[in-house]
Amino acid sequence: MTSIDHITLEVADPSAAERFYIEALGLDAHVRLRASEAPTTGFRGFTLSLVVSQPSAVNALMDAALAAGGTTLKPAAKSLWGYGGGVQGPDGTVVTFASSSKKDTGPATRQIDDVVLQLGVADVAASKRFYVERGLPVGKSFGSKYVEFALPARTVKLALLKRRALAKAAGVAPDGEGSHRLAIGGDAGPVTDPDGFTWE
């Protein structure tokens, strides 16, 4: 089965990015960093979503992210689907924090249950076909709006949404151009998907 072992974020300041992703958020098993000055502006077309068990974990991770140089995009709050919020990392990557629970059921922790790479795409159906042809099994699919692939436990999960919808959910404008500053490390590559996201 195809899987994503890690993602590589291309950053202008590796030291600041390490403080944010590795030291503050503990993502050393899922995120690698590489220095890059590739031109990029605005929304890069993806978010990194950290799924946790309860609201206190969302709050703890957001506090750690902000203390390590992140800026608030969406303050943590209850929603129809649970509880969550979002920040922008010092390198410009959008990181969201989410729990399907609206109430705490235990002591506060910073444990992350799932790391989900959400790609904002032009055509969800076309991108879904691209990934299915490369061995990614579909876990959930809601027509042309959302696709989540069923990938092995303890690997980075992958989901597809329309670019505009993903930007709105993240609290940013959908406009952006230049490099995604992202490389996906997994056994589907090397390949580039219909929206320019590269696998290594």
N, C-alpha and C. Protein backbone atom coordinates (compact mmCIF):
# COMPACT_ATOMS: atom_id res chain seq x y z
N MET A 1 0.84 -1.18 0.00
CA MET A 1 0.00 0.00 0.00
C MET A 1 0.88 1.25 0.00
N THR A 2 0.53 2.22 -0.82
CA THR A 2 1.26 3.48 -0.85
C THR A 2 1.08 4.22 0.47
N SER A 3 2.15 4.86 0.95
CA SER A 3 2.07 5.61 2.19
C SER A 3 2.94 6.85 2.11
N ILE A 4 2.72 7.77 3.04
CA ILE A 4 3.55 8.97 3.16
C ILE A 4 4.38 8.81 4.42
N ASP A 5 5.68 8.68 4.26
CA ASP A 5 6.57 8.51 5.41
C ASP A 5 6.77 9.83 6.15
N HIS A 6 6.88 10.91 5.38
CA HIS A 6 7.14 12.22 5.97
C HIS A 6 6.85 13.29 4.92
N ILE A 7 6.83 14.53 5.36
CA ILE A 7 6.80 15.64 4.42
C ILE A 7 8.03 16.50 4.68
N THR A 8 8.53 17.13 3.63
CA THR A 8 9.65 18.05 3.75
C THR A 8 9.15 19.46 3.49
N LEU A 9 9.34 20.33 4.46
CA LEU A 9 9.00 21.74 4.30
C LEU A 9 10.26 22.49 3.92
N GLU A 10 10.17 23.26 2.86
CA GLU A 10 11.31 24.06 2.40
C GLU A 10 11.18 25.44 3.04
N VAL A 11 12.16 25.83 3.83
CA VAL A 11 12.05 27.01 4.69
C VAL A 11 13.24 27.95 4.49
N ALA A 12 12.99 29.23 4.69
CA ALA A 12 14.06 30.22 4.57
C ALA A 12 14.98 30.21 5.80
N ASP A 13 14.41 29.89 6.97
CA ASP A 13 15.18 29.91 8.22
C ASP A 13 15.03 28.55 8.92
N PRO A 14 15.93 27.60 8.64
CA PRO A 14 15.81 26.26 9.24
C PRO A 14 15.83 26.27 10.77
N SER A 15 16.58 27.16 11.39
CA SER A 15 16.65 27.19 12.86
C SER A 15 15.30 27.56 13.46
N ALA A 16 14.64 28.58 12.90
CA ALA A 16 13.32 28.99 13.39
C ALA A 16 12.30 27.88 13.15
N ALA A 17 12.40 27.24 11.99
CA ALA A 17 11.47 26.16 11.67
C ALA A 17 11.67 24.97 12.59
N GLU A 18 12.91 24.68 12.95
CA GLU A 18 13.16 23.56 13.87
C GLU A 18 12.58 23.85 15.25
N ARG A 19 12.72 25.09 15.72
CA ARG A 19 12.12 25.44 17.01
C ARG A 19 10.60 25.26 16.99
N PHE A 20 10.00 25.59 15.86
CA PHE A 20 8.54 25.52 15.74
C PHE A 20 8.05 24.08 15.56
N TYR A 21 8.52 23.39 14.52
CA TYR A 21 7.98 22.06 14.18
C TYR A 21 8.51 20.93 15.06
N ILE A 22 9.78 20.99 15.37
CA ILE A 22 10.40 19.86 16.07
C ILE A 22 10.34 20.06 17.59
N GLU A 23 10.84 21.22 18.06
CA GLU A 23 10.91 21.43 19.51
C GLU A 23 9.54 21.73 20.12
N ALA A 24 8.76 22.62 19.50
CA ALA A 24 7.47 23.01 20.09
C ALA A 24 6.36 22.00 19.81
N LEU A 25 6.28 21.51 18.56
CA LEU A 25 5.17 20.63 18.19
C LEU A 25 5.52 19.15 18.20
N GLY A 26 6.80 18.81 18.29
CA GLY A 26 7.20 17.40 18.37
C GLY A 26 6.94 16.60 17.12
N LEU A 27 7.11 17.22 15.96
CA LEU A 27 6.79 16.55 14.68
C LEU A 27 8.01 15.93 14.02
N ASP A 28 9.04 15.60 14.79
CA ASP A 28 10.27 15.07 14.20
C ASP A 28 10.07 13.76 13.44
N ALA A 29 9.05 12.98 13.78
CA ALA A 29 8.80 11.72 13.06
C ALA A 29 8.12 11.95 11.71
N HIS A 30 7.51 13.12 11.52
CA HIS A 30 6.71 13.35 10.32
C HIS A 30 7.19 14.48 9.43
N VAL A 31 7.96 15.41 9.99
CA VAL A 31 8.35 16.60 9.24
C VAL A 31 9.87 16.70 9.14
N ARG A 32 10.34 16.91 7.92
CA ARG A 32 11.75 17.22 7.69
C ARG A 32 11.83 18.65 7.17
N LEU A 33 12.99 19.27 7.34
CA LEU A 33 13.17 20.66 6.94
C LEU A 33 14.33 20.77 5.97
N ARG A 34 14.17 21.66 4.98
CA ARG A 34 15.23 21.88 3.99
C ARG A 34 15.28 23.37 3.68
N ALA A 35 16.47 23.94 3.68
CA ALA A 35 16.62 25.35 3.38
C ALA A 35 16.22 25.63 1.93
N SER A 36 15.47 26.72 1.73
CA SER A 36 15.05 27.09 0.39
C SER A 36 14.73 28.57 0.34
N GLU A 37 15.05 29.18 -0.78
CA GLU A 37 14.66 30.57 -1.05
C GLU A 37 13.75 30.61 -2.26
N ALA A 38 13.12 29.49 -2.60
CA ALA A 38 12.23 29.44 -3.77
C ALA A 38 11.14 30.49 -3.64
N PRO A 39 10.89 31.28 -4.68
CA PRO A 39 9.89 32.34 -4.60
C PRO A 39 8.49 31.78 -4.31
N THR A 40 7.80 32.41 -3.37
CA THR A 40 6.44 32.00 -3.02
C THR A 40 5.73 33.18 -2.38
N THR A 41 4.45 33.33 -2.69
CA THR A 41 3.65 34.39 -2.07
C THR A 41 2.27 33.84 -1.72
N GLY A 42 1.68 34.37 -0.66
CA GLY A 42 0.31 34.01 -0.29
C GLY A 42 0.17 32.57 0.15
N PHE A 43 -1.05 32.04 -0.03
CA PHE A 43 -1.38 30.67 0.38
C PHE A 43 -0.68 29.68 -0.52
N ARG A 44 -0.01 28.72 0.09
CA ARG A 44 0.77 27.73 -0.69
C ARG A 44 -0.04 26.53 -1.13
N GLY A 45 -1.32 26.52 -0.82
CA GLY A 45 -2.18 25.45 -1.32
C GLY A 45 -2.26 24.21 -0.46
N PHE A 46 -1.72 24.25 0.75
CA PHE A 46 -1.83 23.09 1.63
C PHE A 46 -1.86 23.54 3.08
N THR A 47 -2.37 22.66 3.93
CA THR A 47 -2.27 22.87 5.38
C THR A 47 -1.79 21.58 6.02
N LEU A 48 -1.19 21.73 7.17
CA LEU A 48 -0.79 20.60 7.99
C LEU A 48 -1.74 20.58 9.17
N SER A 49 -2.56 19.54 9.28
CA SER A 49 -3.58 19.47 10.33
C SER A 49 -3.16 18.45 11.39
N LEU A 50 -3.14 18.89 12.63
CA LEU A 50 -2.79 18.02 13.75
C LEU A 50 -4.08 17.69 14.50
N VAL A 51 -4.44 16.41 14.49
CA VAL A 51 -5.69 15.95 15.09
C VAL A 51 -5.39 15.39 16.48
N VAL A 52 -6.15 15.87 17.46
CA VAL A 52 -5.92 15.50 18.85
C VAL A 52 -7.23 15.05 19.49
N SER A 53 -7.16 14.57 20.74
CA SER A 53 -8.33 13.95 21.36
C SER A 53 -9.31 14.91 22.01
N GLN A 54 -8.84 16.08 22.45
CA GLN A 54 -9.74 16.95 23.21
C GLN A 54 -9.29 18.41 23.12
N PRO A 55 -10.18 19.35 23.48
CA PRO A 55 -9.87 20.78 23.36
C PRO A 55 -8.61 21.21 24.11
N SER A 56 -8.34 20.65 25.29
CA SER A 56 -7.16 21.09 26.03
C SER A 56 -5.87 20.79 25.27
N ALA A 57 -5.87 19.73 24.46
CA ALA A 57 -4.69 19.42 23.64
C ALA A 57 -4.55 20.44 22.51
N VAL A 58 -5.66 20.85 21.93
CA VAL A 58 -5.63 21.92 20.92
C VAL A 58 -5.00 23.16 21.54
N ASN A 59 -5.49 23.55 22.71
CA ASN A 59 -4.99 24.76 23.36
C ASN A 59 -3.51 24.65 23.69
N ALA A 60 -3.10 23.50 24.20
CA ALA A 60 -1.69 23.32 24.58
C ALA A 60 -0.77 23.42 23.37
N LEU A 61 -1.17 22.80 22.26
CA LEU A 61 -0.34 22.84 21.05
C LEU A 61 -0.34 24.23 20.43
N MET A 62 -1.50 24.89 20.43
CA MET A 62 -1.53 26.25 19.89
C MET A 62 -0.66 27.19 20.72
N ASP A 63 -0.71 27.05 22.04
CA ASP A 63 0.13 27.88 22.91
C ASP A 63 1.61 27.65 22.61
N ALA A 64 1.98 26.38 22.43
CA ALA A 64 3.38 26.05 22.12
C ALA A 64 3.78 26.62 20.77
N ALA A 65 2.87 26.53 19.78
CA ALA A 65 3.16 27.04 18.43
C ALA A 65 3.35 28.56 18.45
N LEU A 66 2.49 29.25 19.19
CA LEU A 66 2.59 30.71 19.27
C LEU A 66 3.86 31.14 20.00
N ALA A 67 4.21 30.40 21.04
CA ALA A 67 5.43 30.73 21.79
C ALA A 67 6.68 30.50 20.95
N ALA A 68 6.58 29.63 19.93
CA ALA A 68 7.73 29.30 19.09
C ALA A 68 7.75 30.11 17.79
N GLY A 69 6.96 31.17 17.71
CA GLY A 69 7.04 32.06 16.55
C GLY A 69 5.87 32.00 15.59
N GLY A 70 4.85 31.20 15.90
CA GLY A 70 3.67 31.17 15.04
C GLY A 70 2.79 32.39 15.26
N THR A 71 1.91 32.66 14.31
CA THR A 71 0.94 33.75 14.45
C THR A 71 -0.47 33.18 14.28
N THR A 72 -1.41 33.71 15.05
CA THR A 72 -2.78 33.19 15.02
C THR A 72 -3.48 33.53 13.71
N LEU A 73 -4.08 32.53 13.09
CA LEU A 73 -4.96 32.73 11.94
C LEU A 73 -6.42 32.60 12.36
N LYS A 74 -6.70 31.58 13.17
CA LYS A 74 -8.04 31.35 13.72
C LYS A 74 -7.89 30.98 15.18
N PRO A 75 -8.40 31.81 16.09
CA PRO A 75 -8.33 31.44 17.50
C PRO A 75 -9.08 30.13 17.75
N ALA A 76 -8.61 29.35 18.71
CA ALA A 76 -9.27 28.08 19.04
C ALA A 76 -10.68 28.35 19.53
N ALA A 77 -11.64 27.58 18.99
CA ALA A 77 -13.05 27.78 19.36
C ALA A 77 -13.84 26.52 19.01
N LYS A 78 -15.04 26.41 19.61
CA LYS A 78 -15.96 25.33 19.24
C LYS A 78 -16.54 25.60 17.86
N SER A 79 -16.84 24.51 17.16
CA SER A 79 -17.47 24.62 15.84
C SER A 79 -18.49 23.50 15.73
N LEU A 80 -19.14 23.43 14.60
CA LEU A 80 -20.11 22.37 14.35
C LEU A 80 -19.46 20.98 14.48
N TRP A 81 -18.18 20.87 14.08
CA TRP A 81 -17.51 19.57 14.03
C TRP A 81 -16.68 19.26 15.27
N GLY A 82 -16.52 20.21 16.19
CA GLY A 82 -15.70 19.94 17.37
C GLY A 82 -15.06 21.20 17.90
N TYR A 83 -13.71 21.17 17.98
CA TYR A 83 -12.98 22.29 18.55
C TYR A 83 -11.66 22.42 17.80
N GLY A 84 -11.28 23.63 17.43
CA GLY A 84 -10.02 23.77 16.72
C GLY A 84 -9.63 25.21 16.49
N GLY A 85 -8.44 25.37 15.91
CA GLY A 85 -7.90 26.68 15.59
C GLY A 85 -6.74 26.52 14.63
N GLY A 86 -6.13 27.63 14.25
CA GLY A 86 -5.03 27.55 13.31
C GLY A 86 -4.02 28.66 13.48
N VAL A 87 -2.78 28.35 13.09
CA VAL A 87 -1.68 29.31 13.15
C VAL A 87 -0.90 29.24 11.84
N GLN A 88 -0.09 30.27 11.63
CA GLN A 88 0.86 30.24 10.52
C GLN A 88 2.24 30.12 11.12
N GLY A 89 3.00 29.13 10.66
CA GLY A 89 4.35 28.93 11.16
C GLY A 89 5.26 30.04 10.70
N PRO A 90 6.46 30.15 11.30
CA PRO A 90 7.40 31.21 10.92
C PRO A 90 7.84 31.12 9.46
N ASP A 91 7.70 29.95 8.84
CA ASP A 91 8.06 29.78 7.43
C ASP A 91 6.89 30.07 6.50
N GLY A 92 5.69 30.31 7.05
CA GLY A 92 4.51 30.58 6.23
C GLY A 92 3.55 29.44 6.08
N THR A 93 3.90 28.23 6.52
CA THR A 93 3.01 27.08 6.44
C THR A 93 1.82 27.27 7.38
N VAL A 94 0.64 26.90 6.91
CA VAL A 94 -0.57 26.96 7.74
C VAL A 94 -0.69 25.64 8.50
N VAL A 95 -0.78 25.73 9.83
CA VAL A 95 -0.94 24.55 10.68
C VAL A 95 -2.25 24.70 11.44
N THR A 96 -3.11 23.68 11.34
CA THR A 96 -4.37 23.70 12.06
C THR A 96 -4.35 22.62 13.14
N PHE A 97 -5.16 22.84 14.17
CA PHE A 97 -5.26 21.92 15.29
C PHE A 97 -6.75 21.60 15.45
N ALA A 98 -7.10 20.33 15.56
CA ALA A 98 -8.52 19.97 15.59
C ALA A 98 -8.79 18.79 16.49
N SER A 99 -9.95 18.85 17.16
CA SER A 99 -10.47 17.73 17.93
C SER A 99 -11.95 17.58 17.60
N SER A 100 -12.41 16.35 17.43
CA SER A 100 -13.84 16.14 17.19
C SER A 100 -14.64 16.28 18.48
N SER A 101 -13.95 16.32 19.62
CA SER A 101 -14.60 16.48 20.92
C SER A 101 -14.72 17.96 21.28
N LYS A 102 -15.84 18.33 21.87
CA LYS A 102 -16.03 19.71 22.33
C LYS A 102 -15.76 19.84 23.83
N LYS A 103 -15.52 18.72 24.50
CA LYS A 103 -15.28 18.73 25.95
C LYS A 103 -14.07 17.88 26.28
N ASP A 104 -13.35 18.31 27.33
CA ASP A 104 -12.21 17.52 27.81
C ASP A 104 -12.71 16.31 28.59
N THR A 105 -12.05 15.17 28.37
CA THR A 105 -12.42 13.95 29.09
C THR A 105 -11.29 13.42 29.95
N GLY A 106 -10.17 14.14 29.97
CA GLY A 106 -9.02 13.70 30.76
C GLY A 106 -8.05 14.84 30.93
N PRO A 107 -6.89 14.57 31.53
CA PRO A 107 -5.91 15.62 31.73
C PRO A 107 -5.36 16.15 30.41
N ALA A 108 -4.92 17.39 30.42
CA ALA A 108 -4.37 18.02 29.21
C ALA A 108 -3.06 17.36 28.81
N THR A 109 -2.91 17.09 27.53
CA THR A 109 -1.65 16.56 26.98
C THR A 109 -1.37 17.31 25.68
N ARG A 110 -0.20 17.06 25.11
CA ARG A 110 0.13 17.59 23.79
C ARG A 110 0.28 16.44 22.80
N GLN A 111 -0.40 15.32 23.07
CA GLN A 111 -0.30 14.16 22.19
C GLN A 111 -1.08 14.38 20.90
N ILE A 112 -0.42 14.11 19.78
CA ILE A 112 -1.04 14.24 18.46
C ILE A 112 -1.45 12.84 18.00
N ASP A 113 -2.72 12.68 17.66
CA ASP A 113 -3.22 11.38 17.21
C ASP A 113 -2.96 11.15 15.73
N ASP A 114 -3.17 12.18 14.91
CA ASP A 114 -2.97 12.07 13.47
C ASP A 114 -2.38 13.35 12.91
N VAL A 115 -1.49 13.19 11.94
CA VAL A 115 -0.95 14.31 11.17
C VAL A 115 -1.54 14.17 9.78
N VAL A 116 -2.28 15.19 9.34
CA VAL A 116 -2.98 15.12 8.05
C VAL A 116 -2.48 16.23 7.14
N LEU A 117 -1.97 15.86 5.98
CA LEU A 117 -1.60 16.82 4.95
C LEU A 117 -2.84 17.04 4.09
N GLN A 118 -3.35 18.27 4.11
CA GLN A 118 -4.53 18.61 3.31
C GLN A 118 -4.07 19.43 2.11
N LEU A 119 -4.35 18.93 0.92
CA LEU A 119 -3.97 19.63 -0.30
C LEU A 119 -5.18 20.35 -0.89
N GLY A 120 -5.00 21.62 -1.21
CA GLY A 120 -6.04 22.39 -1.89
C GLY A 120 -5.85 22.22 -3.39
N VAL A 121 -6.83 21.65 -4.06
CA VAL A 121 -6.67 21.28 -5.47
C VAL A 121 -7.72 21.97 -6.34
N ALA A 122 -7.43 22.04 -7.63
CA ALA A 122 -8.34 22.67 -8.58
C ALA A 122 -9.54 21.77 -8.87
N ASP A 123 -9.30 20.47 -8.98
CA ASP A 123 -10.34 19.51 -9.36
C ASP A 123 -10.19 18.27 -8.47
N VAL A 124 -11.04 18.16 -7.46
CA VAL A 124 -10.93 17.07 -6.49
C VAL A 124 -11.04 15.71 -7.18
N ALA A 125 -11.98 15.57 -8.13
CA ALA A 125 -12.17 14.27 -8.81
C ALA A 125 -10.93 13.87 -9.59
N ALA A 126 -10.32 14.82 -10.30
CA ALA A 126 -9.12 14.51 -11.10
C ALA A 126 -7.95 14.14 -10.19
N SER A 127 -7.78 14.89 -9.10
CA SER A 127 -6.68 14.58 -8.18
C SER A 127 -6.91 13.24 -7.48
N LYS A 128 -8.17 12.95 -7.16
CA LYS A 128 -8.51 11.66 -6.56
C LYS A 128 -8.10 10.53 -7.50
N ARG A 129 -8.45 10.65 -8.78
CA ARG A 129 -8.07 9.61 -9.76
C ARG A 129 -6.56 9.45 -9.82
N PHE A 130 -5.85 10.57 -9.83
CA PHE A 130 -4.39 10.54 -9.89
C PHE A 130 -3.82 9.71 -8.74
N TYR A 131 -4.32 9.96 -7.53
CA TYR A 131 -3.78 9.25 -6.36
C TYR A 131 -4.26 7.81 -6.28
N VAL A 132 -5.48 7.54 -6.66
CA VAL A 132 -5.97 6.15 -6.67
C VAL A 132 -5.14 5.31 -7.65
N GLU A 133 -4.80 5.89 -8.81
CA GLU A 133 -3.96 5.18 -9.80
C GLU A 133 -2.57 4.88 -9.26
N ARG A 134 -2.15 5.59 -8.23
CA ARG A 134 -0.83 5.37 -7.64
C ARG A 134 -0.90 4.57 -6.35
N GLY A 135 -2.03 3.93 -6.10
CA GLY A 135 -2.13 2.98 -5.00
C GLY A 135 -2.63 3.52 -3.68
N LEU A 136 -3.20 4.72 -3.66
CA LEU A 136 -3.75 5.24 -2.40
C LEU A 136 -5.23 4.88 -2.33
N PRO A 137 -5.63 4.06 -1.37
CA PRO A 137 -7.04 3.68 -1.25
C PRO A 137 -7.87 4.79 -0.60
N VAL A 138 -9.07 4.99 -1.12
CA VAL A 138 -9.95 6.02 -0.59
C VAL A 138 -10.58 5.54 0.71
N GLY A 139 -10.52 6.39 1.74
CA GLY A 139 -11.16 6.09 3.01
C GLY A 139 -12.53 6.73 3.09
N LYS A 140 -12.60 8.04 2.80
CA LYS A 140 -13.86 8.79 2.80
C LYS A 140 -13.88 9.66 1.56
N SER A 141 -15.05 9.80 0.97
CA SER A 141 -15.18 10.66 -0.20
C SER A 141 -16.55 11.30 -0.21
N PHE A 142 -16.57 12.62 -0.38
CA PHE A 142 -17.82 13.36 -0.46
C PHE A 142 -17.86 14.08 -1.80
N GLY A 143 -18.14 13.30 -2.84
CA GLY A 143 -18.27 13.84 -4.19
C GLY A 143 -17.05 14.62 -4.63
N SER A 144 -17.29 15.81 -5.16
CA SER A 144 -16.21 16.65 -5.66
C SER A 144 -15.74 17.65 -4.61
N LYS A 145 -16.10 17.40 -3.33
CA LYS A 145 -15.77 18.36 -2.27
C LYS A 145 -14.59 17.93 -1.40
N TYR A 146 -14.49 16.63 -1.07
CA TYR A 146 -13.50 16.19 -0.10
C TYR A 146 -13.18 14.72 -0.31
N VAL A 147 -11.90 14.39 -0.21
CA VAL A 147 -11.45 13.00 -0.27
C VAL A 147 -10.39 12.80 0.82
N GLU A 148 -10.53 11.71 1.55
CA GLU A 148 -9.53 11.33 2.55
C GLU A 148 -9.07 9.92 2.21
N PHE A 149 -7.76 9.71 2.13
CA PHE A 149 -7.23 8.40 1.78
C PHE A 149 -6.96 7.59 3.03
N ALA A 150 -7.15 6.27 2.93
CA ALA A 150 -6.93 5.35 4.05
C ALA A 150 -5.48 4.89 4.01
N LEU A 151 -4.63 5.56 4.78
CA LEU A 151 -3.21 5.23 4.81
C LEU A 151 -2.85 4.55 6.13
N PRO A 152 -1.72 3.85 6.18
CA PRO A 152 -1.36 3.09 7.38
C PRO A 152 -1.25 3.97 8.63
N ALA A 153 -1.47 3.36 9.78
CA ALA A 153 -1.35 4.06 11.06
C ALA A 153 0.08 4.59 11.24
N ARG A 154 0.20 5.68 11.97
CA ARG A 154 1.47 6.31 12.30
C ARG A 154 2.22 6.85 11.09
N THR A 155 1.50 7.05 9.96
CA THR A 155 2.08 7.73 8.82
C THR A 155 1.29 9.03 8.63
N VAL A 156 1.79 9.90 7.77
CA VAL A 156 1.07 11.13 7.46
C VAL A 156 -0.15 10.77 6.61
N LYS A 157 -1.32 11.24 7.02
CA LYS A 157 -2.55 11.02 6.26
C LYS A 157 -2.63 12.05 5.14
N LEU A 158 -3.48 11.80 4.14
CA LEU A 158 -3.63 12.72 3.01
C LEU A 158 -5.11 12.96 2.74
N ALA A 159 -5.46 14.24 2.56
CA ALA A 159 -6.83 14.62 2.21
C ALA A 159 -6.78 15.67 1.11
N LEU A 160 -7.83 15.70 0.28
CA LEU A 160 -7.95 16.66 -0.81
C LEU A 160 -9.22 17.48 -0.64
N LEU A 161 -9.10 18.80 -0.81
CA LEU A 161 -10.24 19.70 -0.80
C LEU A 161 -10.04 20.70 -1.93
N LYS A 162 -11.10 21.39 -2.32
CA LYS A 162 -10.95 22.51 -3.25
C LYS A 162 -10.05 23.55 -2.59
N ARG A 163 -9.20 24.16 -3.37
CA ARG A 163 -8.24 25.13 -2.83
C ARG A 163 -8.95 26.25 -2.07
N ARG A 164 -10.01 26.82 -2.64
CA ARG A 164 -10.72 27.93 -2.00
C ARG A 164 -11.33 27.49 -0.67
N ALA A 165 -11.90 26.28 -0.62
CA ALA A 165 -12.52 25.78 0.61
C ALA A 165 -11.46 25.55 1.69
N LEU A 166 -10.30 25.05 1.30
CA LEU A 166 -9.23 24.80 2.27
C LEU A 166 -8.72 26.13 2.84
N ALA A 167 -8.54 27.12 1.96
CA ALA A 167 -8.08 28.43 2.43
C ALA A 167 -9.10 29.05 3.39
N LYS A 168 -10.37 28.94 3.06
CA LYS A 168 -11.41 29.50 3.93
C LYS A 168 -11.40 28.82 5.29
N ALA A 169 -11.28 27.49 5.30
CA ALA A 169 -11.24 26.75 6.56
C ALA A 169 -10.02 27.14 7.40
N ALA A 170 -8.92 27.48 6.73
CA ALA A 170 -7.69 27.84 7.43
C ALA A 170 -7.67 29.30 7.88
N GLY A 171 -8.57 30.11 7.32
CA GLY A 171 -8.61 31.52 7.69
C GLY A 171 -7.65 32.39 6.91
N VAL A 172 -7.35 31.99 5.65
CA VAL A 172 -6.44 32.77 4.81
C VAL A 172 -7.09 33.02 3.45
N ALA A 173 -6.57 34.01 2.73
CA ALA A 173 -7.02 34.27 1.36
C ALA A 173 -6.51 33.14 0.46
N PRO A 174 -7.29 32.74 -0.55
CA PRO A 174 -6.88 31.60 -1.39
C PRO A 174 -5.78 31.92 -2.39
N ASP A 175 -5.50 33.21 -2.60
CA ASP A 175 -4.52 33.59 -3.62
C ASP A 175 -3.10 33.26 -3.18
N GLY A 176 -2.30 32.88 -4.14
CA GLY A 176 -0.89 32.59 -3.88
C GLY A 176 -0.25 32.07 -5.15
N GLU A 177 1.04 32.27 -5.26
CA GLU A 177 1.74 31.76 -6.44
C GLU A 177 3.18 31.45 -6.08
N GLY A 178 3.83 30.76 -7.00
CA GLY A 178 5.22 30.34 -6.77
C GLY A 178 5.28 28.95 -6.19
N SER A 179 6.36 28.65 -5.52
CA SER A 179 6.62 27.32 -4.99
C SER A 179 5.66 26.96 -3.85
N HIS A 180 5.25 25.69 -3.82
CA HIS A 180 4.50 25.19 -2.65
C HIS A 180 5.42 25.11 -1.43
N ARG A 181 6.73 25.00 -1.68
CA ARG A 181 7.73 24.77 -0.63
C ARG A 181 7.37 23.54 0.20
N LEU A 182 6.98 22.49 -0.51
CA LEU A 182 6.60 21.23 0.11
C LEU A 182 7.02 20.08 -0.79
N ALA A 183 7.58 19.03 -0.20
CA ALA A 183 7.84 17.78 -0.91
C ALA A 183 7.29 16.65 -0.07
N ILE A 184 6.59 15.73 -0.71
CA ILE A 184 5.97 14.60 -0.01
C ILE A 184 6.88 13.39 -0.14
N GLY A 185 7.27 12.82 0.98
CA GLY A 185 8.15 11.66 0.98
C GLY A 185 7.36 10.38 1.14
N GLY A 186 7.29 9.60 0.08
CA GLY A 186 6.53 8.36 0.15
C GLY A 186 6.82 7.49 -1.05
N ASP A 187 6.19 6.32 -1.10
CA ASP A 187 6.51 5.37 -2.16
C ASP A 187 5.67 5.53 -3.42
N ALA A 188 4.99 6.68 -3.60
CA ALA A 188 4.30 6.96 -4.86
C ALA A 188 5.22 7.70 -5.82
N GLY A 189 6.34 8.20 -5.32
CA GLY A 189 7.18 9.10 -6.12
C GLY A 189 8.39 8.41 -6.72
N PRO A 190 9.19 9.18 -7.50
CA PRO A 190 9.04 10.61 -7.75
C PRO A 190 7.97 10.89 -8.81
N VAL A 191 7.11 11.84 -8.47
CA VAL A 191 6.01 12.20 -9.37
C VAL A 191 5.49 13.57 -8.94
N THR A 192 4.86 14.27 -9.87
CA THR A 192 4.22 15.55 -9.56
C THR A 192 2.74 15.43 -9.87
N ASP A 193 1.89 15.83 -8.92
CA ASP A 193 0.44 15.67 -9.10
C ASP A 193 -0.13 16.80 -9.95
N PRO A 194 -1.43 16.76 -10.29
CA PRO A 194 -2.00 17.76 -11.20
C PRO A 194 -1.92 19.20 -10.68
N ASP A 195 -1.71 19.39 -9.39
CA ASP A 195 -1.63 20.74 -8.83
C ASP A 195 -0.21 21.17 -8.51
N GLY A 196 0.77 20.39 -8.98
CA GLY A 196 2.16 20.76 -8.81
C GLY A 196 2.80 20.32 -7.51
N PHE A 197 2.12 19.50 -6.72
CA PHE A 197 2.72 18.96 -5.50
C PHE A 197 3.63 17.79 -5.86
N THR A 198 4.86 17.83 -5.38
CA THR A 198 5.83 16.81 -5.78
C THR A 198 6.04 15.76 -4.70
N TRP A 199 6.23 14.54 -5.15
CA TRP A 199 6.59 13.40 -4.30
C TRP A 199 8.04 13.06 -4.57
N GLU A 200 8.76 12.74 -3.51
CA GLU A 200 10.17 12.34 -3.65
C GLU A 200 10.33 10.89 -3.26
